[in-house]
Amino acid sequence: MAQPFLSKSRYLAGMQCLKYLWLLVNDPDKVPRPDAMTQHVFDQGHLVEQLARKLFADGTEVPFDNFQGNIRLTRNFLKERRTLFQAGIMAGSLYSRLDVLKPSGEAAWDIIEIKSSTKVKEENLHDISFQKYCCQQQGLAIDRCYLVHVNNQYVRSGEIDPKRLFDMEDVTEAAAAAAEGIETRIKTMLDTLKATACPETRVGTHCRSPYECAVTLCLESLPDNNVLHLYRGGRKGFDLLYEGIRYLRDIPESVKLTDSQQIQKWCDANSCAHTDADSIRAFLTTLEYPVYYLDFETFNTAVPLFDGTRPYQNIPFQFSVHVVDRPGSMPWPFSFLASGP
C-alpha cells in the first residue's frame, strides 16, 4: 500500500484537527462534499487566481493532468528559471503546489500565494510556511514570501485592472514565525495518517475555526438544544460541555450569561418561545398606513461584476413587497427578480 503524503491542504486540515485529517485521507466518505455555498467560495478563488496571474506576464502554467507528470515538468522548468504557476514540489512525504514560484536573483525563488480574501489571515501564513518548508526540503533556496489578496477598496470602471484589484504583501517574517514547530507538526500528522484507527479528538473551538468543520460525527450525540448553541457563546459553550453540561437549561446559576443567553436558558427550561408582547404591542401602535413589508436578496463576488461596485459589495437582485393599505385589509404583493446585468 502506498505511503500517505502530506500536502499543504492536508497540513492545514491537520492544523485544525487531527481527526479531520485522518478522515479526509483514510475514510473520505465520512467527509461531506462541499455544499453550494462552499463551492461558490472555491469558484471565486479559481477566478481570482486566474486574474492575479496577469500580474506575472512571463509566467508558465505547469499542467496538472497527471500528478507525477506535474512534478517532472516542474523539475524541468526549474532548471530554466521560469516563473511558474502551480509548480508541484515533492520532497519525501511532503507535497505542495504553489500558486506562483518566481525566480529571485541568480539562484533563489520567491513564493507568491494568491487568496480571494481581503487581508492576510493566520491560516495563510501556515499555508505559505508549509510551501516554503517543502521547497527547502527539495533543495530550493527561498528568498521572499508574498501574499496576493483582493483590495476591497477597488472600484470597477470598465475592464478589470489586476494591478488595482490586488494588493501584494510581503509576509516573509510572519511566515517564518508561523513555521516555528513545523517539523514536529509534520511528524505528528504523518504518524496520524499512517495510523490504522481514527484518533479521538475532543470537540472544541477548533471545530469552528478557522473553518466550520464539515464532519458532523463528533456532535451527532448532542441534543438539539445543547450548550454549543449558546448565543455568541464562543469558548463558554465548549467549557460547559467539558464539565458534563449538555442542555442549556442545566447551565448553573453561577455561570455568568448575557441577557440573550439567559432568555435561551429560560426557553429551554420552559419548553416555549420567548415573546415580548408589550414591546411588540408598543411597536404596532407606531405604524402608519399603508404599511410595507419588504424582503430582498443580495449576492457578492470577489471580482466586481458591474462598474461602480467593489469586491464583496452586496448587490440586490431580488425583492418582494407586500402592502397593507389599512388595518384589517388583505396585503397586495409586488416583486422583482433581475434576469441579467
Protein backbone atom coordinates (compact mmCIF):
# COMPACT_ATOMS: atom_id res chain seq x y z
CA MET A 1 0.00 0.00 0.00
CA ALA A 2 1.31 3.44 -0.93
CA GLN A 3 2.56 5.56 1.95
CA PRO A 4 0.38 8.62 2.61
CA PHE A 5 1.84 12.01 1.82
CA LEU A 6 1.17 15.38 3.38
CA SER A 7 0.03 18.13 1.05
CA LYS A 8 -0.47 21.75 2.06
CA SER A 9 -4.26 21.32 2.16
CA ARG A 10 -3.85 18.25 4.38
CA TYR A 11 -1.37 20.15 6.55
CA LEU A 12 -3.93 22.91 7.10
CA ALA A 13 -6.58 20.29 7.88
CA GLY A 14 -4.24 18.76 10.45
CA MET A 15 -3.56 22.18 11.96
CA GLN A 16 -7.28 22.41 12.67
CA CYS A 17 -7.95 18.82 13.76
CA LEU A 18 -6.01 15.53 13.50
CA LYS A 19 -9.24 13.55 13.43
CA TYR A 20 -10.44 15.55 10.43
CA LEU A 21 -7.09 14.96 8.70
CA TRP A 22 -7.31 11.19 9.25
CA LEU A 23 -10.88 11.01 7.95
CA LEU A 24 -10.06 13.18 4.94
CA VAL A 25 -7.40 10.71 3.79
CA ASN A 26 -8.38 7.32 5.22
CA ASP A 27 -12.18 7.45 5.33
CA PRO A 28 -13.19 10.21 2.87
CA ASP A 29 -16.80 9.01 2.65
CA LYS A 30 -17.26 10.44 6.15
CA VAL A 31 -16.39 13.92 4.85
CA PRO A 32 -19.38 15.55 3.07
CA ARG A 33 -18.90 17.03 -0.38
CA PRO A 34 -18.82 20.85 -0.49
CA ASP A 35 -22.26 22.44 -0.38
CA ALA A 36 -23.32 25.12 -2.89
CA MET A 37 -22.02 27.99 -0.76
CA THR A 38 -18.63 26.37 -0.19
CA GLN A 39 -18.34 25.53 -3.88
CA HIS A 40 -19.10 29.18 -4.69
CA VAL A 41 -16.16 30.20 -2.47
CA PHE A 42 -13.91 27.72 -4.30
CA ASP A 43 -15.09 29.05 -7.67
CA GLN A 44 -14.36 32.62 -6.58
CA GLY A 45 -10.88 31.51 -5.58
CA HIS A 46 -10.22 29.98 -9.00
CA LEU A 47 -11.38 33.16 -10.77
CA VAL A 48 -9.23 35.35 -8.53
CA GLU A 49 -6.20 33.17 -9.21
CA GLN A 50 -6.65 33.43 -12.97
CA LEU A 51 -6.84 37.23 -12.80
CA ALA A 52 -3.90 37.52 -10.38
CA ARG A 53 -1.71 35.58 -12.77
CA LYS A 54 -1.88 38.59 -15.09
CA LEU A 55 0.42 40.33 -12.61
CA PHE A 56 3.13 37.92 -13.79
CA ALA A 57 3.00 38.16 -17.56
CA ASP A 58 6.01 35.89 -18.08
CA GLY A 59 4.53 33.00 -16.09
CA THR A 60 4.18 29.43 -17.36
CA GLU A 61 1.44 27.13 -16.07
CA VAL A 62 2.58 23.64 -15.14
CA PRO A 63 -0.21 21.28 -16.31
CA PHE A 64 -1.80 19.05 -13.69
CA ASP A 65 -3.34 16.40 -15.91
CA ASN A 66 -1.04 13.87 -14.25
CA PHE A 67 0.28 14.03 -10.68
CA GLN A 68 3.75 12.63 -11.39
CA GLY A 69 3.85 14.47 -14.71
CA ASN A 70 3.30 17.78 -12.92
CA ILE A 71 6.26 17.06 -10.64
CA ARG A 72 8.53 16.05 -13.53
CA LEU A 73 7.62 19.12 -15.60
CA THR A 74 8.24 21.33 -12.59
CA ARG A 75 11.77 19.94 -12.23
CA ASN A 76 12.47 20.71 -15.90
CA PHE A 77 11.05 24.25 -15.71
CA LEU A 78 13.02 24.99 -12.54
CA LYS A 79 16.23 24.43 -14.50
CA GLU A 80 15.06 27.07 -16.99
CA ARG A 81 14.42 29.62 -14.19
CA ARG A 82 10.88 30.36 -15.34
CA THR A 83 8.09 31.98 -13.32
CA LEU A 84 5.76 29.03 -12.69
CA PHE A 85 2.07 28.71 -11.95
CA GLN A 86 1.03 25.58 -9.99
CA ALA A 87 4.53 24.17 -9.69
CA GLY A 88 4.46 20.77 -7.99
CA ILE A 89 7.18 20.11 -5.39
CA MET A 90 7.59 16.65 -3.86
CA ALA A 91 10.06 16.22 -1.00
CA GLY A 92 9.87 12.77 0.58
CA SER A 93 6.38 12.51 2.08
CA LEU A 94 5.64 16.20 1.56
CA TYR A 95 3.92 17.68 -1.47
CA SER A 96 2.99 21.23 -2.36
CA ARG A 97 1.61 23.01 -5.38
CA LEU A 98 2.48 26.68 -5.44
CA ASP A 99 0.28 29.37 -6.97
CA VAL A 100 3.35 31.28 -8.17
CA LEU A 101 7.03 30.40 -7.89
CA LYS A 102 9.13 33.29 -9.20
CA PRO A 103 12.90 33.46 -9.73
CA SER A 104 14.72 35.84 -7.37
CA GLY A 105 18.27 36.83 -8.15
CA GLU A 106 20.52 34.26 -9.73
CA ALA A 107 19.59 31.15 -7.76
CA ALA A 108 16.75 31.81 -5.28
CA TRP A 109 12.96 31.84 -5.58
CA ASP A 110 10.02 33.85 -4.26
CA ILE A 111 6.81 32.12 -3.15
CA ILE A 112 3.63 34.02 -4.01
CA GLU A 113 0.32 32.75 -2.66
CA ILE A 114 -2.96 34.06 -4.11
CA LYS A 115 -6.08 34.36 -1.96
CA SER A 116 -9.58 35.69 -2.61
CA SER A 117 -9.73 37.18 0.89
CA THR A 118 -9.17 40.88 1.55
CA LYS A 119 -6.45 40.56 4.19
CA VAL A 120 -3.71 38.28 5.46
CA LYS A 121 -5.04 35.57 7.79
CA GLU A 122 -3.15 33.34 10.20
CA GLU A 123 -4.01 30.21 8.23
CA ASN A 124 -2.50 31.83 5.12
CA LEU A 125 0.82 32.14 6.93
CA HIS A 126 0.77 28.45 7.89
CA ASP A 127 -0.08 27.65 4.26
CA ILE A 128 2.93 29.60 2.99
CA SER A 129 5.25 28.30 5.71
CA PHE A 130 4.47 24.72 4.64
CA GLN A 131 5.17 25.57 0.99
CA LYS A 132 8.48 27.14 1.96
CA TYR A 133 9.49 24.15 4.10
CA CYS A 134 8.58 21.73 1.30
CA CYS A 135 10.63 23.71 -1.24
CA GLN A 136 13.61 23.91 1.09
CA GLN A 137 13.49 20.15 1.69
CA GLN A 138 13.72 19.74 -2.07
CA GLY A 139 16.82 21.95 -2.13
CA LEU A 140 15.31 25.22 -3.36
CA ALA A 141 16.58 28.46 -1.87
CA ILE A 142 13.61 30.65 -0.92
CA ASP A 143 14.16 34.39 -0.75
CA ARG A 144 10.84 36.18 -0.03
CA CYS A 145 7.25 35.11 0.56
CA TYR A 146 4.28 37.18 -0.59
CA LEU A 147 0.52 37.02 -0.30
CA VAL A 148 -1.62 38.47 -3.09
CA HIS A 149 -5.13 39.30 -1.88
CA VAL A 150 -8.12 41.30 -3.04
CA ASN A 151 -8.16 45.07 -2.48
CA ASN A 152 -11.67 45.72 -1.18
CA GLN A 153 -11.35 49.44 -1.95
CA TYR A 154 -11.02 48.82 -5.68
CA VAL A 155 -13.94 50.21 -7.71
CA ARG A 156 -14.53 48.71 -11.12
CA SER A 157 -14.54 51.05 -14.10
CA GLY A 158 -14.52 49.18 -17.40
CA GLU A 159 -12.27 46.15 -17.73
CA ILE A 160 -10.81 44.68 -14.54
CA ASP A 161 -7.38 46.12 -13.74
CA PRO A 162 -5.43 43.40 -11.87
CA LYS A 163 -2.83 45.90 -10.64
CA ARG A 164 -5.55 47.81 -8.78
CA LEU A 165 -7.74 44.83 -7.87
CA PHE A 166 -4.96 43.14 -5.90
CA ASP A 167 -2.56 44.05 -3.11
CA MET A 168 0.67 42.09 -2.65
CA GLU A 169 2.08 41.94 0.88
CA ASP A 170 5.50 40.72 1.91
CA VAL A 171 4.85 38.12 4.64
CA THR A 172 8.34 36.63 4.82
CA GLU A 173 8.89 37.32 8.51
CA ALA A 174 5.33 36.44 9.51
CA ALA A 175 5.53 33.14 7.63
CA ALA A 176 8.85 32.37 9.33
CA ALA A 177 7.21 32.92 12.72
CA ALA A 178 4.34 30.62 11.72
CA ALA A 179 6.89 27.93 10.81
CA GLU A 180 8.04 27.55 14.41
CA GLY A 181 7.46 23.93 15.39
CA ILE A 182 6.61 22.87 11.83
CA GLU A 183 8.84 19.77 11.88
CA THR A 184 7.08 18.44 14.98
CA ARG A 185 3.67 19.15 13.48
CA ILE A 186 4.56 17.42 10.23
CA LYS A 187 5.82 14.32 12.04
CA THR A 188 2.63 14.17 14.14
CA MET A 189 0.46 14.48 11.05
CA LEU A 190 2.34 11.82 9.09
CA ASP A 191 2.12 9.46 12.06
CA THR A 192 -1.61 10.19 12.25
CA LEU A 193 -2.11 9.38 8.57
CA LYS A 194 -0.29 6.05 8.98
CA ALA A 195 -2.40 5.03 11.99
CA THR A 196 -4.95 2.26 11.40
CA ALA A 197 -7.54 3.81 13.72
CA CYS A 198 -9.05 7.27 13.68
CA PRO A 199 -7.69 9.38 16.55
CA GLU A 200 -10.06 10.57 19.25
CA THR A 201 -10.22 14.33 19.38
CA ARG A 202 -12.26 16.33 21.85
CA VAL A 203 -14.64 18.90 20.35
CA GLY A 204 -13.58 22.49 20.86
CA THR A 205 -13.31 25.90 19.27
CA HIS A 206 -11.18 24.31 16.53
CA CYS A 207 -14.42 22.73 15.24
CA ARG A 208 -15.43 26.20 14.04
CA SER A 209 -12.13 27.96 13.45
CA PRO A 210 -10.60 28.82 11.11
CA TYR A 211 -13.34 26.97 9.19
CA GLU A 212 -16.58 25.30 10.16
CA CYS A 213 -15.88 21.57 10.17
CA ALA A 214 -17.89 19.66 7.57
CA VAL A 215 -17.77 16.44 9.60
CA THR A 216 -20.75 16.08 11.93
CA LEU A 217 -19.72 12.81 13.61
CA CYS A 218 -18.34 14.46 16.74
CA LEU A 219 -21.55 16.36 17.50
CA GLU A 220 -24.19 13.81 16.50
CA SER A 221 -24.74 12.62 20.08
CA LEU A 222 -25.58 16.10 21.35
CA PRO A 223 -29.24 17.17 21.79
CA ASP A 224 -30.67 19.93 19.59
CA ASN A 225 -30.76 22.40 22.48
CA ASN A 226 -27.19 21.80 23.61
CA VAL A 227 -24.86 24.37 25.16
CA LEU A 228 -22.92 24.85 21.92
CA HIS A 229 -25.95 26.80 20.65
CA LEU A 230 -25.42 29.43 23.33
CA TYR A 231 -25.82 32.78 21.56
CA ARG A 232 -22.33 34.20 20.95
CA GLY A 233 -21.06 31.73 23.49
CA GLY A 234 -17.65 31.14 21.92
CA ARG A 235 -15.47 29.03 24.20
CA LYS A 236 -18.06 29.15 27.02
CA GLY A 237 -20.25 26.52 25.35
CA PHE A 238 -17.33 24.10 24.99
CA ASP A 239 -16.19 24.71 28.57
CA LEU A 240 -19.69 23.83 29.80
CA LEU A 241 -19.64 20.68 27.68
CA TYR A 242 -16.27 19.66 29.18
CA GLU A 243 -17.91 19.96 32.62
CA GLY A 244 -20.61 17.49 31.57
CA ILE A 245 -23.34 20.08 30.99
CA ARG A 246 -25.18 19.29 27.77
CA TYR A 247 -28.51 21.13 27.95
CA LEU A 248 -28.97 24.90 28.05
CA ARG A 249 -31.43 24.50 30.93
CA ASP A 250 -28.75 22.83 33.07
CA ILE A 251 -26.32 25.76 32.99
CA PRO A 252 -25.60 26.60 36.66
CA GLU A 253 -26.69 29.94 38.10
CA SER A 254 -23.05 30.63 38.92
CA VAL A 255 -22.21 30.88 35.21
CA LYS A 256 -22.42 34.48 34.01
CA LEU A 257 -24.71 34.78 30.99
CA THR A 258 -25.74 37.71 28.82
CA ASP A 259 -29.41 38.76 28.69
CA SER A 260 -29.89 36.89 25.41
CA GLN A 261 -28.25 33.76 26.83
CA GLN A 262 -30.48 33.94 29.91
CA ILE A 263 -33.50 34.01 27.60
CA GLN A 264 -32.17 30.92 25.79
CA LYS A 265 -31.76 29.08 29.06
CA TRP A 266 -35.26 30.07 30.22
CA CYS A 267 -36.84 28.96 26.90
CA ASP A 268 -35.15 25.56 27.12
CA ALA A 269 -36.18 25.10 30.75
CA ASN A 270 -39.80 26.02 29.99
CA SER A 271 -40.05 24.43 26.52
CA CYS A 272 -41.52 27.55 24.97
CA ALA A 273 -40.60 30.51 22.81
CA HIS A 274 -39.77 33.92 24.23
CA THR A 275 -42.22 36.67 23.27
CA ASP A 276 -42.03 40.26 24.49
CA ALA A 277 -45.70 41.07 23.94
CA ASP A 278 -45.54 44.56 25.44
CA SER A 279 -42.72 45.65 23.13
CA ILE A 280 -44.50 44.19 20.09
CA ARG A 281 -47.74 45.94 21.06
CA ALA A 282 -45.93 49.25 21.53
CA PHE A 283 -44.25 48.92 18.15
CA LEU A 284 -47.53 48.18 16.36
CA THR A 285 -49.06 51.40 17.69
CA THR A 286 -46.36 53.42 15.89
CA LEU A 287 -47.25 52.08 12.42
CA GLU A 288 -48.84 54.41 9.89
CA TYR A 289 -50.76 53.04 6.90
CA PRO A 290 -50.13 51.99 4.24
CA VAL A 291 -47.63 49.51 5.71
CA TYR A 292 -44.96 47.92 3.51
CA TYR A 293 -43.39 44.50 4.23
CA LEU A 294 -40.15 44.38 2.26
CA ASP A 295 -37.84 41.42 1.72
CA PHE A 296 -34.80 41.47 -0.55
CA GLU A 297 -31.85 39.26 -1.50
CA THR A 298 -28.28 40.16 -2.40
CA PHE A 299 -25.16 38.46 -3.74
CA ASN A 300 -21.49 39.40 -3.68
CA THR A 301 -18.41 38.34 -5.59
CA ALA A 302 -14.69 38.71 -5.08
CA VAL A 303 -14.35 40.25 -8.55
CA PRO A 304 -16.94 43.04 -9.07
CA LEU A 305 -19.26 42.37 -11.99
CA PHE A 306 -20.55 45.91 -12.52
CA ASP A 307 -18.97 49.32 -12.94
CA GLY A 308 -19.08 51.42 -9.79
CA THR A 309 -19.01 48.41 -7.44
CA ARG A 310 -16.32 46.98 -5.15
CA PRO A 311 -15.20 43.44 -4.29
CA TYR A 312 -17.68 41.69 -1.99
CA GLN A 313 -20.14 44.58 -2.17
CA ASN A 314 -23.68 43.28 -1.61
CA ILE A 315 -25.68 43.72 -4.82
CA PRO A 316 -29.51 43.41 -4.59
CA PHE A 317 -31.01 41.19 -7.28
CA GLN A 318 -34.50 40.40 -5.96
CA PHE A 319 -37.15 41.93 -3.76
CA SER A 320 -40.76 41.36 -2.79
CA VAL A 321 -43.03 43.81 -1.02
CA HIS A 322 -46.49 43.26 0.47
CA VAL A 323 -48.60 46.36 1.02
CA VAL A 324 -51.40 46.67 3.58
CA ASP A 325 -53.46 49.78 2.82
CA ARG A 326 -55.40 49.96 6.08
CA PRO A 327 -55.92 47.93 9.28
CA GLY A 328 -57.57 44.59 8.54
CA SER A 329 -57.18 44.76 4.75
CA MET A 330 -55.54 42.00 2.75
CA PRO A 331 -51.95 42.67 1.59
CA TRP A 332 -51.28 43.00 -2.10
CA PRO A 333 -47.90 41.84 -3.43
CA PHE A 334 -45.30 43.20 -5.80
CA SER A 335 -41.98 41.57 -6.67
CA PHE A 336 -38.93 41.90 -8.90
CA LEU A 337 -36.26 39.42 -9.95
CA ALA A 338 -33.29 40.56 -12.04
CA SER A 339 -32.73 38.48 -15.17
CA GLY A 340 -29.41 39.92 -16.27
CA PRO A 341 -26.99 42.83 -15.87
